[in-house]
PDB file of all heavy atoms in Angstrom:
ATOM      1  N   ASN A   1      25.826 -21.927  32.589  1.00  0.00           N
ATOM      2  CA  ASN A   1      25.213 -21.008  31.623  1.00  0.00           C
ATOM      3  C   ASN A   1      25.363 -19.569  32.092  1.00  0.00           C
ATOM      4  O   ASN A   1      25.375 -19.291  33.298  1.00  0.00           O
ATOM      5  CB  ASN A   1      23.729 -21.344  31.437  1.00  0.00           C
ATOM      6  CG  ASN A   1      23.527 -22.757  30.928  1.00  0.00           C
ATOM      7  OD1 ASN A   1      24.184 -23.185  29.988  1.00  0.00           O
ATOM      8  ND2 ASN A   1      22.622 -23.497  31.576  1.00  0.00           N
ATOM      9  N   GLN A   2      25.426 -18.656  31.141  1.00  0.00           N
ATOM     10  CA  GLN A   2      25.609 -17.247  31.478  1.00  0.00           C
ATOM     11  C   GLN A   2      24.317 -16.643  32.025  1.00  0.00           C
ATOM     12  O   GLN A   2      23.252 -16.785  31.428  1.00  0.00           O
ATOM     13  CB  GLN A   2      26.046 -16.462  30.239  1.00  0.00           C
ATOM     14  CG  GLN A   2      27.390 -16.909  29.687  1.00  0.00           C
ATOM     15  CD  GLN A   2      27.794 -16.152  28.434  1.00  0.00           C
ATOM     16  OE1 GLN A   2      27.173 -15.140  28.097  1.00  0.00           O
ATOM     17  NE2 GLN A   2      28.820 -16.620  27.747  1.00  0.00           N
ATOM     18  N   LYS A   3      24.442 -15.965  33.177  1.00  0.00           N
ATOM     19  CA  LYS A   3      23.322 -15.220  33.746  1.00  0.00           C
ATOM     20  C   LYS A   3      23.376 -13.784  33.211  1.00  0.00           C
ATOM     21  O   LYS A   3      24.322 -13.407  32.511  1.00  0.00           O
ATOM     22  CB  LYS A   3      23.406 -15.227  35.277  1.00  0.00           C
ATOM     23  CG  LYS A   3      23.333 -16.620  35.904  1.00  0.00           C
ATOM     24  CD  LYS A   3      23.268 -16.576  37.422  1.00  0.00           C
ATOM     25  CE  LYS A   3      24.568 -16.139  38.043  1.00  0.00           C
ATOM     26  NZ  LYS A   3      24.608 -16.320  39.519  1.00  0.00           N
ATOM     27  N   ASP A   4      22.372 -13.008  33.560  1.00  0.00           N
ATOM     28  CA  ASP A   4      22.352 -11.600  33.115  1.00  0.00           C
ATOM     29  C   ASP A   4      23.566 -10.837  33.644  1.00  0.00           C
ATOM     30  O   ASP A   4      24.005  -9.860  33.036  1.00  0.00           O
ATOM     31  CB  ASP A   4      21.068 -10.911  33.593  1.00  0.00           C
ATOM     32  CG  ASP A   4      19.832 -11.468  32.901  1.00  0.00           C
ATOM     33  OD1 ASP A   4      19.997 -12.090  31.833  1.00  0.00           O
ATOM     34  OD2 ASP A   4      18.718 -11.293  33.427  1.00  0.00           O
ATOM     35  N   SER A   5      24.084 -11.298  34.758  1.00  0.00           N
ATOM     36  CA  SER A   5      25.214 -10.603  35.400  1.00  0.00           C
ATOM     37  C   SER A   5      26.572 -11.080  34.877  1.00  0.00           C
ATOM     38  O   SER A   5      27.611 -10.720  35.432  1.00  0.00           O
ATOM     39  CB  SER A   5      25.159 -10.841  36.912  1.00  0.00           C
ATOM     40  OG  SER A   5      25.189 -12.238  37.204  1.00  0.00           O
ATOM     41  N   PHE A   6      26.586 -11.884  33.825  1.00  0.00           N
ATOM     42  CA  PHE A   6      27.827 -12.516  33.357  1.00  0.00           C
ATOM     43  C   PHE A   6      28.881 -11.478  32.971  1.00  0.00           C
ATOM     44  O   PHE A   6      28.607 -10.512  32.263  1.00  0.00           O
ATOM     45  CB  PHE A   6      27.545 -13.413  32.152  1.00  0.00           C
ATOM     46  CG  PHE A   6      28.782 -14.024  31.560  1.00  0.00           C
ATOM     47  CD1 PHE A   6      29.434 -15.063  32.201  1.00  0.00           C
ATOM     48  CD2 PHE A   6      29.310 -13.542  30.363  1.00  0.00           C
ATOM     49  CE1 PHE A   6      30.585 -15.622  31.663  1.00  0.00           C
ATOM     50  CE2 PHE A   6      30.464 -14.101  29.815  1.00  0.00           C
ATOM     51  CZ  PHE A   6      31.095 -15.150  30.473  1.00  0.00           C
ATOM     52  N   VAL A   7      30.093 -11.726  33.461  1.00  0.00           N
ATOM     53  CA  VAL A   7      31.264 -10.928  33.080  1.00  0.00           C
ATOM     54  C   VAL A   7      32.385 -11.916  32.767  1.00  0.00           C
ATOM     55  O   VAL A   7      32.771 -12.710  33.635  1.00  0.00           O
ATOM     56  CB  VAL A   7      31.711  -9.975  34.208  1.00  0.00           C
ATOM     57  CG1 VAL A   7      32.959  -9.199  33.770  1.00  0.00           C
ATOM     58  CG2 VAL A   7      30.599  -9.030  34.605  1.00  0.00           C
ATOM     59  N   PRO A   8      32.911 -11.902  31.549  1.00  0.00           N
ATOM     60  CA  PRO A   8      33.967 -12.866  31.215  1.00  0.00           C
ATOM     61  C   PRO A   8      35.269 -12.544  31.934  1.00  0.00           C
ATOM     62  O   PRO A   8      35.563 -11.387  32.236  1.00  0.00           O
ATOM     63  CB  PRO A   8      34.122 -12.709  29.699  1.00  0.00           C
ATOM     64  CG  PRO A   8      33.643 -11.331  29.405  1.00  0.00           C
ATOM     65  CD  PRO A   8      32.565 -11.030  30.407  1.00  0.00           C
ATOM     66  N   GLY A   9      36.037 -13.593  32.219  1.00  0.00           N
ATOM     67  CA  GLY A   9      37.352 -13.392  32.809  1.00  0.00           C
ATOM     68  C   GLY A   9      38.290 -12.678  31.848  1.00  0.00           C
ATOM     69  O   GLY A   9      38.048 -12.607  30.645  1.00  0.00           O
ATOM     70  N   MET A  10      39.366 -12.151  32.405  1.00  0.00           N
ATOM     71  CA  MET A  10      40.340 -11.388  31.618  1.00  0.00           C
ATOM     72  C   MET A  10      41.603 -12.202  31.403  1.00  0.00           C
ATOM     73  O   MET A  10      41.991 -13.008  32.254  1.00  0.00           O
ATOM     74  CB  MET A  10      40.717 -10.091  32.348  1.00  0.00           C
ATOM     75  CG  MET A  10      39.602  -9.081  32.490  1.00  0.00           C
ATOM     76  SD  MET A  10      40.121  -7.726  33.566  1.00  0.00           S
ATOM     77  CE  MET A  10      41.597  -7.160  32.726  1.00  0.00           C
ATOM     78  N   GLU A  11      42.235 -11.964  30.266  1.00  0.00           N
ATOM     79  CA  GLU A  11      43.559 -12.510  30.039  1.00  0.00           C
ATOM     80  C   GLU A  11      44.591 -11.548  30.627  1.00  0.00           C
ATOM     81  O   GLU A  11      44.614 -10.370  30.283  1.00  0.00           O
ATOM     82  CB  GLU A  11      43.832 -12.675  28.534  1.00  0.00           C
ATOM     83  CG  GLU A  11      43.037 -13.777  27.875  1.00  0.00           C
ATOM     84  CD  GLU A  11      43.435 -13.962  26.414  1.00  0.00           C
ATOM     85  OE1 GLU A  11      44.241 -13.153  25.911  1.00  0.00           O
ATOM     86  OE2 GLU A  11      42.941 -14.913  25.786  1.00  0.00           O
ATOM     87  N   LEU A  12      45.400 -12.056  31.524  1.00  0.00           N
ATOM     88  CA  LEU A  12      46.513 -11.273  32.054  1.00  0.00           C
ATOM     89  C   LEU A  12      47.783 -11.936  31.543  1.00  0.00           C
ATOM     90  O   LEU A  12      48.170 -13.018  32.002  1.00  0.00           O
ATOM     91  CB  LEU A  12      46.482 -11.254  33.589  1.00  0.00           C
ATOM     92  CG  LEU A  12      45.218 -10.667  34.229  1.00  0.00           C
ATOM     93  CD1 LEU A  12      45.329 -10.692  35.744  1.00  0.00           C
ATOM     94  CD2 LEU A  12      44.963  -9.242  33.742  1.00  0.00           C
ATOM     95  N   ARG A  13      48.378 -11.331  30.557  1.00  0.00           N
ATOM     96  CA  ARG A  13      49.556 -11.912  29.905  1.00  0.00           C
ATOM     97  C   ARG A  13      50.826 -11.263  30.455  1.00  0.00           C
ATOM     98  O   ARG A  13      50.830 -10.077  30.817  1.00  0.00           O
ATOM     99  CB  ARG A  13      49.468 -11.730  28.394  1.00  0.00           C
ATOM    100  CG  ARG A  13      48.328 -12.547  27.774  1.00  0.00           C
ATOM    101  CD  ARG A  13      48.252 -12.416  26.275  1.00  0.00           C
ATOM    102  NE  ARG A  13      47.291 -13.376  25.723  1.00  0.00           N
ATOM    103  CZ  ARG A  13      47.608 -14.596  25.291  1.00  0.00           C
ATOM    104  NH1 ARG A  13      48.879 -15.005  25.348  1.00  0.00           N
ATOM    105  NH2 ARG A  13      46.691 -15.404  24.814  1.00  0.00           N
ATOM    106  N   ALA A  14      51.886 -12.063  30.505  1.00  0.00           N
ATOM    107  CA  ALA A  14      53.130 -11.556  31.088  1.00  0.00           C
ATOM    108  C   ALA A  14      54.338 -12.230  30.455  1.00  0.00           C
ATOM    109  O   ALA A  14      54.240 -13.333  29.910  1.00  0.00           O
ATOM    110  CB  ALA A  14      53.134 -11.827  32.593  1.00  0.00           C
ATOM    111  N   LYS A  15      55.452 -11.531  30.537  1.00  0.00           N
ATOM    112  CA  LYS A  15      56.703 -12.160  30.102  1.00  0.00           C
ATOM    113  C   LYS A  15      57.038 -13.334  31.026  1.00  0.00           C
ATOM    114  O   LYS A  15      57.485 -14.387  30.581  1.00  0.00           O
ATOM    115  CB  LYS A  15      57.826 -11.124  30.101  1.00  0.00           C
ATOM    116  CG  LYS A  15      57.624 -10.022  29.059  1.00  0.00           C
ATOM    117  CD  LYS A  15      58.663  -8.912  29.198  1.00  0.00           C
ATOM    118  CE  LYS A  15      58.398  -7.792  28.191  1.00  0.00           C
ATOM    119  NZ  LYS A  15      59.288  -6.631  28.407  1.00  0.00           N
ATOM    120  N   TYR A  16      56.767 -13.128  32.325  1.00  0.00           N
ATOM    121  CA  TYR A  16      56.945 -14.210  33.295  1.00  0.00           C
ATOM    122  C   TYR A  16      55.789 -14.190  34.303  1.00  0.00           C
ATOM    123  O   TYR A  16      55.328 -13.120  34.711  1.00  0.00           O
ATOM    124  CB  TYR A  16      58.296 -14.102  34.017  1.00  0.00           C
ATOM    125  CG  TYR A  16      59.432 -14.479  33.097  1.00  0.00           C
ATOM    126  CD1 TYR A  16      60.214 -13.500  32.493  1.00  0.00           C
ATOM    127  CD2 TYR A  16      59.680 -15.822  32.795  1.00  0.00           C
ATOM    128  CE1 TYR A  16      61.227 -13.848  31.596  1.00  0.00           C
ATOM    129  CE2 TYR A  16      60.686 -16.168  31.904  1.00  0.00           C
ATOM    130  CZ  TYR A  16      61.443 -15.194  31.314  1.00  0.00           C
ATOM    131  OH  TYR A  16      62.417 -15.549  30.417  1.00  0.00           O
ATOM    132  N   THR A  17      55.356 -15.385  34.680  1.00  0.00           N
ATOM    133  CA  THR A  17      54.274 -15.544  35.648  1.00  0.00           C
ATOM    134  C   THR A  17      54.817 -16.297  36.852  1.00  0.00           C
ATOM    135  O   THR A  17      55.490 -17.323  36.698  1.00  0.00           O
ATOM    136  CB  THR A  17      53.090 -16.327  35.043  1.00  0.00           C
ATOM    137  OG1 THR A  17      52.703 -15.703  33.808  1.00  0.00           O
ATOM    138  CG2 THR A  17      51.906 -16.338  35.987  1.00  0.00           C
ATOM    139  N   VAL A  18      54.549 -15.767  38.032  1.00  0.00           N
ATOM    140  CA  VAL A  18      55.002 -16.399  39.268  1.00  0.00           C
ATOM    141  C   VAL A  18      53.778 -16.951  39.992  1.00  0.00           C
ATOM    142  O   VAL A  18      52.843 -16.200  40.307  1.00  0.00           O
ATOM    143  CB  VAL A  18      55.764 -15.396  40.168  1.00  0.00           C
ATOM    144  CG1 VAL A  18      56.196 -16.068  41.466  1.00  0.00           C
ATOM    145  CG2 VAL A  18      56.975 -14.829  39.432  1.00  0.00           C
ATOM    146  N   PHE A  19      53.783 -18.254  40.239  1.00  0.00           N
ATOM    147  CA  PHE A  19      52.651 -18.909  40.895  1.00  0.00           C
ATOM    148  C   PHE A  19      52.955 -19.047  42.386  1.00  0.00           C
ATOM    149  O   PHE A  19      53.889 -19.724  42.787  1.00  0.00           O
ATOM    150  CB  PHE A  19      52.375 -20.266  40.247  1.00  0.00           C
ATOM    151  CG  PHE A  19      51.850 -20.131  38.843  1.00  0.00           C
ATOM    152  CD1 PHE A  19      52.723 -20.035  37.763  1.00  0.00           C
ATOM    153  CD2 PHE A  19      50.484 -20.053  38.604  1.00  0.00           C
ATOM    154  CE1 PHE A  19      52.244 -19.883  36.472  1.00  0.00           C
ATOM    155  CE2 PHE A  19      49.997 -19.890  37.312  1.00  0.00           C
ATOM    156  CZ  PHE A  19      50.877 -19.808  36.243  1.00  0.00           C
ATOM    157  N   ALA A  20      52.138 -18.364  43.189  1.00  0.00           N
ATOM    158  CA  ALA A  20      52.317 -18.302  44.641  1.00  0.00           C
ATOM    159  C   ALA A  20      50.961 -18.520  45.313  1.00  0.00           C
ATOM    160  O   ALA A  20      50.543 -17.749  46.162  1.00  0.00           O
ATOM    161  CB  ALA A  20      52.904 -16.936  45.028  1.00  0.00           C
ATOM    162  N   GLU A  21      50.290 -19.608  44.904  1.00  0.00           N
ATOM    163  CA  GLU A  21      48.900 -19.835  45.325  1.00  0.00           C
ATOM    164  C   GLU A  21      48.768 -20.398  46.730  1.00  0.00           C
ATOM    165  O   GLU A  21      47.658 -20.532  47.240  1.00  0.00           O
ATOM    166  CB  GLU A  21      48.227 -20.837  44.383  1.00  0.00           C
ATOM    167  CG  GLU A  21      48.251 -20.468  42.918  1.00  0.00           C
ATOM    168  CD  GLU A  21      47.976 -21.684  42.069  1.00  0.00           C
ATOM    169  OE1 GLU A  21      48.885 -22.532  41.897  1.00  0.00           O
ATOM    170  OE2 GLU A  21      46.848 -21.807  41.575  1.00  0.00           O
ATOM    171  N   GLY A  22      49.860 -20.798  47.363  1.00  0.00           N
ATOM    172  CA  GLY A  22      49.758 -21.500  48.626  1.00  0.00           C
ATOM    173  C   GLY A  22      49.681 -23.005  48.396  1.00  0.00           C
ATOM    174  O   GLY A  22      49.760 -23.495  47.272  1.00  0.00           O
ATOM    175  N   CYS A  23      49.525 -23.728  49.492  1.00  0.00           N
ATOM    176  CA  CYS A  23      49.557 -25.186  49.453  1.00  0.00           C
ATOM    177  C   CYS A  23      48.513 -25.764  48.499  1.00  0.00           C
ATOM    178  O   CYS A  23      47.347 -25.377  48.537  1.00  0.00           O
ATOM    179  CB  CYS A  23      49.327 -25.728  50.865  1.00  0.00           C
ATOM    180  SG  CYS A  23      49.196 -27.509  50.956  1.00  0.00           S
ATOM    181  N   ARG A  24      48.949 -26.694  47.655  1.00  0.00           N
ATOM    182  CA  ARG A  24      48.084 -27.416  46.701  1.00  0.00           C
ATOM    183  C   ARG A  24      47.334 -26.454  45.784  1.00  0.00           C
ATOM    184  O   ARG A  24      46.153 -26.639  45.476  1.00  0.00           O
ATOM    185  CB  ARG A  24      47.107 -28.306  47.467  1.00  0.00           C
ATOM    186  CG  ARG A  24      46.417 -29.395  46.663  1.00  0.00           C
ATOM    187  CD  ARG A  24      47.290 -30.541  46.259  1.00  0.00           C
ATOM    188  NE  ARG A  24      46.513 -31.670  45.751  1.00  0.00           N
ATOM    189  CZ  ARG A  24      46.973 -32.899  45.594  1.00  0.00           C
ATOM    190  NH1 ARG A  24      48.217 -33.175  45.913  1.00  0.00           N
ATOM    191  NH2 ARG A  24      46.202 -33.857  45.120  1.00  0.00           N
ATOM    192  N   GLY A  25      48.025 -25.418  45.344  1.00  0.00           N
ATOM    193  CA  GLY A  25      47.412 -24.519  44.365  1.00  0.00           C
ATOM    194  C   GLY A  25      46.992 -25.301  43.136  1.00  0.00           C
ATOM    195  O   GLY A  25      47.754 -26.140  42.637  1.00  0.00           O
ATOM    196  N   HIS A  26      45.797 -25.046  42.634  1.00  0.00           N
ATOM    197  CA  HIS A  26      45.296 -25.920  41.565  1.00  0.00           C
ATOM    198  C   HIS A  26      46.049 -25.695  40.246  1.00  0.00           C
ATOM    199  O   HIS A  26      46.212 -26.628  39.464  1.00  0.00           O
ATOM    200  CB  HIS A  26      43.782 -25.780  41.396  1.00  0.00           C
ATOM    201  CG  HIS A  26      43.309 -24.633  40.561  1.00  0.00           C
ATOM    202  ND1 HIS A  26      43.439 -23.325  40.964  1.00  0.00           N
ATOM    203  CD2 HIS A  26      42.700 -24.600  39.345  1.00  0.00           C
ATOM    204  CE1 HIS A  26      42.929 -22.540  40.027  1.00  0.00           C
ATOM    205  NE2 HIS A  26      42.479 -23.284  39.037  1.00  0.00           N
ATOM    206  N   LEU A  27      46.547 -24.477  40.027  1.00  0.00           N
ATOM    207  CA  LEU A  27      47.354 -24.247  38.827  1.00  0.00           C
ATOM    208  C   LEU A  27      48.775 -24.789  39.027  1.00  0.00           C
ATOM    209  O   LEU A  27      49.369 -25.347  38.102  1.00  0.00           O
ATOM    210  CB  LEU A  27      47.389 -22.758  38.469  1.00  0.00           C
ATOM    211  CG  LEU A  27      46.027 -22.138  38.140  1.00  0.00           C
ATOM    212  CD1 LEU A  27      46.195 -20.669  37.748  1.00  0.00           C
ATOM    213  CD2 LEU A  27      45.312 -22.902  37.026  1.00  0.00           C
ATOM    214  N   GLY A  28      49.292 -24.638  40.229  1.00  0.00           N
ATOM    215  CA  GLY A  28      50.585 -25.231  40.534  1.00  0.00           C
ATOM    216  C   GLY A  28      50.568 -26.737  40.348  1.00  0.00           C
ATOM    217  O   GLY A  28      51.511 -27.323  39.800  1.00  0.00           O
ATOM    218  N   LYS A  29      49.495 -27.354  40.781  1.00  0.00           N
ATOM    219  CA  LYS A  29      49.334 -28.809  40.604  1.00  0.00           C
ATOM    220  C   LYS A  29      49.347 -29.176  39.111  1.00  0.00           C
ATOM    221  O   LYS A  29      50.003 -30.139  38.697  1.00  0.00           O
ATOM    222  CB  LYS A  29      48.010 -29.226  41.254  1.00  0.00           C
ATOM    223  CG  LYS A  29      47.645 -30.683  41.158  1.00  0.00           C
ATOM    224  CD  LYS A  29      46.281 -30.903  41.826  1.00  0.00           C
ATOM    225  CE  LYS A  29      45.683 -32.244  41.479  1.00  0.00           C
ATOM    226  NZ  LYS A  29      44.309 -32.392  42.027  1.00  0.00           N
ATOM    227  N   GLU A  30      48.660 -28.371  38.308  1.00  0.00           N
ATOM    228  CA  GLU A  30      48.636 -28.602  36.859  1.00  0.00           C
ATOM    229  C   GLU A  30      50.035 -28.454  36.257  1.00  0.00           C
ATOM    230  O   GLU A  30      50.468 -29.283  35.448  1.00  0.00           O
ATOM    231  CB  GLU A  30      47.673 -27.612  36.204  1.00  0.00           C
ATOM    232  CG  GLU A  30      47.678 -27.623  34.676  1.00  0.00           C
ATOM    233  CD  GLU A  30      46.886 -26.469  34.063  1.00  0.00           C
ATOM    234  OE1 GLU A  30      45.826 -26.108  34.618  1.00  0.00           O
ATOM    235  OE2 GLU A  30      47.331 -25.929  33.039  1.00  0.00           O
ATOM    236  N   LEU A  31      50.747 -27.410  36.671  1.00  0.00           N
ATOM    237  CA  LEU A  31      52.075 -27.139  36.103  1.00  0.00           C
ATOM    238  C   LEU A  31      53.086 -28.207  36.509  1.00  0.00           C
ATOM    239  O   LEU A  31      53.938 -28.609  35.705  1.00  0.00           O
ATOM    240  CB  LEU A  31      52.552 -25.758  36.552  1.00  0.00           C
ATOM    241  CG  LEU A  31      51.755 -24.577  35.994  1.00  0.00           C
ATOM    242  CD1 LEU A  31      52.063 -23.306  36.775  1.00  0.00           C
ATOM    243  CD2 LEU A  31      52.034 -24.372  34.511  1.00  0.00           C
ATOM    244  N   ILE A  32      53.008 -28.677  37.760  1.00  0.00           N
ATOM    245  CA  ILE A  32      53.916 -29.731  38.217  1.00  0.00           C
ATOM    246  C   ILE A  32      53.727 -30.974  37.344  1.00  0.00           C
ATOM    247  O   ILE A  32      54.694 -31.621  36.937  1.00  0.00           O
ATOM    248  CB  ILE A  32      53.684 -30.045  39.713  1.00  0.00           C
ATOM    249  CG1 ILE A  32      54.191 -28.881  40.575  1.00  0.00           C
ATOM    250  CG2 ILE A  32      54.378 -31.340  40.110  1.00  0.00           C
ATOM    251  CD1 ILE A  32      53.795 -28.970  42.041  1.00  0.00           C
ATOM    252  N   GLY A  33      52.466 -31.286  37.024  1.00  0.00           N
ATOM    253  CA  GLY A  33      52.189 -32.430  36.167  1.00  0.00           C
ATOM    254  C   GLY A  33      52.613 -32.205  34.730  1.00  0.00           C
ATOM    255  O   GLY A  33      53.272 -33.060  34.122  1.00  0.00           O
ATOM    256  N   LYS A  34      52.276 -31.037  34.186  1.00  0.00           N
ATOM    257  CA  LYS A  34      52.557 -30.767  32.770  1.00  0.00           C
ATOM    258  C   LYS A  34      54.050 -30.767  32.469  1.00  0.00           C
ATOM    259  O   LYS A  34      54.497 -31.306  31.446  1.00  0.00           O
ATOM    260  CB  LYS A  34      51.939 -29.411  32.379  1.00  0.00           C
ATOM    261  CG  LYS A  34      52.210 -29.005  30.919  1.00  0.00           C
ATOM    262  CD  LYS A  34      51.550 -27.664  30.592  1.00  0.00           C
ATOM    263  CE  LYS A  34      51.932 -27.173  29.201  1.00  0.00           C
ATOM    264  NZ  LYS A  34      51.420 -28.043  28.123  1.00  0.00           N
ATOM    265  N   PHE A  35      54.826 -30.146  33.357  1.00  0.00           N
ATOM    266  CA  PHE A  35      56.261 -30.014  33.107  1.00  0.00           C
ATOM    267  C   PHE A  35      57.091 -31.052  33.884  1.00  0.00           C
ATOM    268  O   PHE A  35      58.312 -30.939  33.926  1.00  0.00           O
ATOM    269  CB  PHE A  35      56.732 -28.604  33.462  1.00  0.00           C
ATOM    270  CG  PHE A  35      56.175 -27.537  32.551  1.00  0.00           C
ATOM    271  CD1 PHE A  35      55.127 -26.729  32.965  1.00  0.00           C
ATOM    272  CD2 PHE A  35      56.684 -27.351  31.278  1.00  0.00           C
ATOM    273  CE1 PHE A  35      54.603 -25.742  32.129  1.00  0.00           C
ATOM    274  CE2 PHE A  35      56.176 -26.358  30.436  1.00  0.00           C
ATOM    275  CZ  PHE A  35      55.125 -25.565  30.862  1.00  0.00           C
ATOM    276  N   ALA A  36      56.408 -32.041  34.509  1.00  0.00           N
ATOM    277  CA  ALA A  36      57.097 -33.107  35.265  1.00  0.00           C
ATOM    278  C   ALA A  36      58.098 -32.511  36.256  1.00  0.00           C
ATOM    279  O   ALA A  36      59.237 -32.971  36.382  1.00  0.00           O
ATOM    280  CB  ALA A  36      57.787 -34.085  34.316  1.00  0.00           C
ATOM    281  N   LEU A  37      57.669 -31.476  36.976  1.00  0.00           N
ATOM    282  CA  LEU A  37      58.568 -30.775  37.889  1.00  0.00           C
ATOM    283  C   LEU A  37      58.947 -31.634  39.090  1.00  0.00           C
ATOM    284  O   LEU A  37      59.937 -31.342  39.773  1.00  0.00           O
ATOM    285  CB  LEU A  37      57.922 -29.467  38.371  1.00  0.00           C
ATOM    286  CG  LEU A  37      57.519 -28.473  37.281  1.00  0.00           C
ATOM    287  CD1 LEU A  37      56.860 -27.243  37.905  1.00  0.00           C
ATOM    288  CD2 LEU A  37      58.717 -28.061  36.436  1.00  0.00           C
ATOM    289  N   ASP A  38      58.147 -32.662  39.370  1.00  0.00           N
ATOM    290  CA  ASP A  38      58.428 -33.512  40.526  1.00  0.00           C
ATOM    291  C   ASP A  38      59.111 -34.821  40.140  1.00  0.00           C
ATOM    292  O   ASP A  38      59.167 -35.760  40.947  1.00  0.00           O
ATOM    293  CB  ASP A  38      57.147 -33.806  41.304  1.00  0.00           C
ATOM    294  CG  ASP A  38      56.074 -34.457  40.436  1.00  0.00           C
ATOM    295  OD1 ASP A  38      56.267 -34.557  39.210  1.00  0.00           O
ATOM    296  OD2 ASP A  38      55.035 -34.854  40.996  1.00  0.00           O
ATOM    297  N   ALA A  39      59.630 -34.907  38.926  1.00  0.00           N
ATOM    298  CA  ALA A  39      60.334 -36.121  38.501  1.00  0.00           C
ATOM    299  C   ALA A  39      61.514 -36.386  39.433  1.00  0.00           C
ATOM    300  O   ALA A  39      62.268 -35.475  39.782  1.00  0.00           O
ATOM    301  CB  ALA A  39      60.826 -35.962  37.061  1.00  0.00           C
ATOM    302  N   ASP A  40      61.651 -37.632  39.864  1.00  0.00           N
ATOM    303  CA  ASP A  40      62.751 -38.065  40.747  1.00  0.00           C
ATOM    304  C   ASP A  40      62.707 -37.417  42.129  1.00  0.00           C
ATOM    305  O   ASP A  40      63.714 -37.423  42.852  1.00  0.00           O
ATOM    306  CB  ASP A  40      64.121 -37.781  40.098  1.00  0.00           C
ATOM    307  CG  ASP A  40      64.268 -38.425  38.727  1.00  0.00           C
ATOM    308  OD1 ASP A  40      63.806 -39.563  38.564  1.00  0.00           O
ATOM    309  OD2 ASP A  40      64.815 -37.765  37.818  1.00  0.00           O
ATOM    310  N   LYS A  41      61.556 -36.859  42.510  1.00  0.00           N
ATOM    311  CA  LYS A  41      61.401 -36.285  43.853  1.00  0.00           C
ATOM    312  C   LYS A  41      60.507 -37.193  44.691  1.00  0.00           C
ATOM    313  O   LYS A  41      59.682 -37.948  44.161  1.00  0.00           O
ATOM    314  CB  LYS A  41      60.773 -34.889  43.775  1.00  0.00           C
ATOM    315  CG  LYS A  41      61.505 -33.924  42.855  1.00  0.00           C
ATOM    316  CD  LYS A  41      62.840 -33.503  43.419  1.00  0.00           C
ATOM    317  CE  LYS A  41      63.509 -32.443  42.549  1.00  0.00           C
ATOM    318  NZ  LYS A  41      64.789 -32.001  43.099  1.00  0.00           N
ATOM    319  N   SER A  42      60.654 -37.105  46.018  1.00  0.00           N
ATOM    320  CA  SER A  42      59.711 -37.807  46.882  1.00  0.00           C
ATOM    321  C   SER A  42      58.337 -37.166  46.726  1.00  0.00           C
ATOM    322  O   SER A  42      58.240 -35.961  46.456  1.00  0.00           O
ATOM    323  CB  SER A  42      60.151 -37.711  48.348  1.00  0.00           C
ATOM    324  OG  SER A  42      61.349 -38.421  48.566  1.00  0.00           O
TER     325      SER A  42
END
């Protein structure tokens, strides 16, 4: 629930987005699954 101090997150839109979150980045994990980037990989 929103507290008195609530500030909504911002949309940062780009022509291209580079994900460099480090090991097991949670968005990287989502993208690997969504786009099947690890198909046929160990």
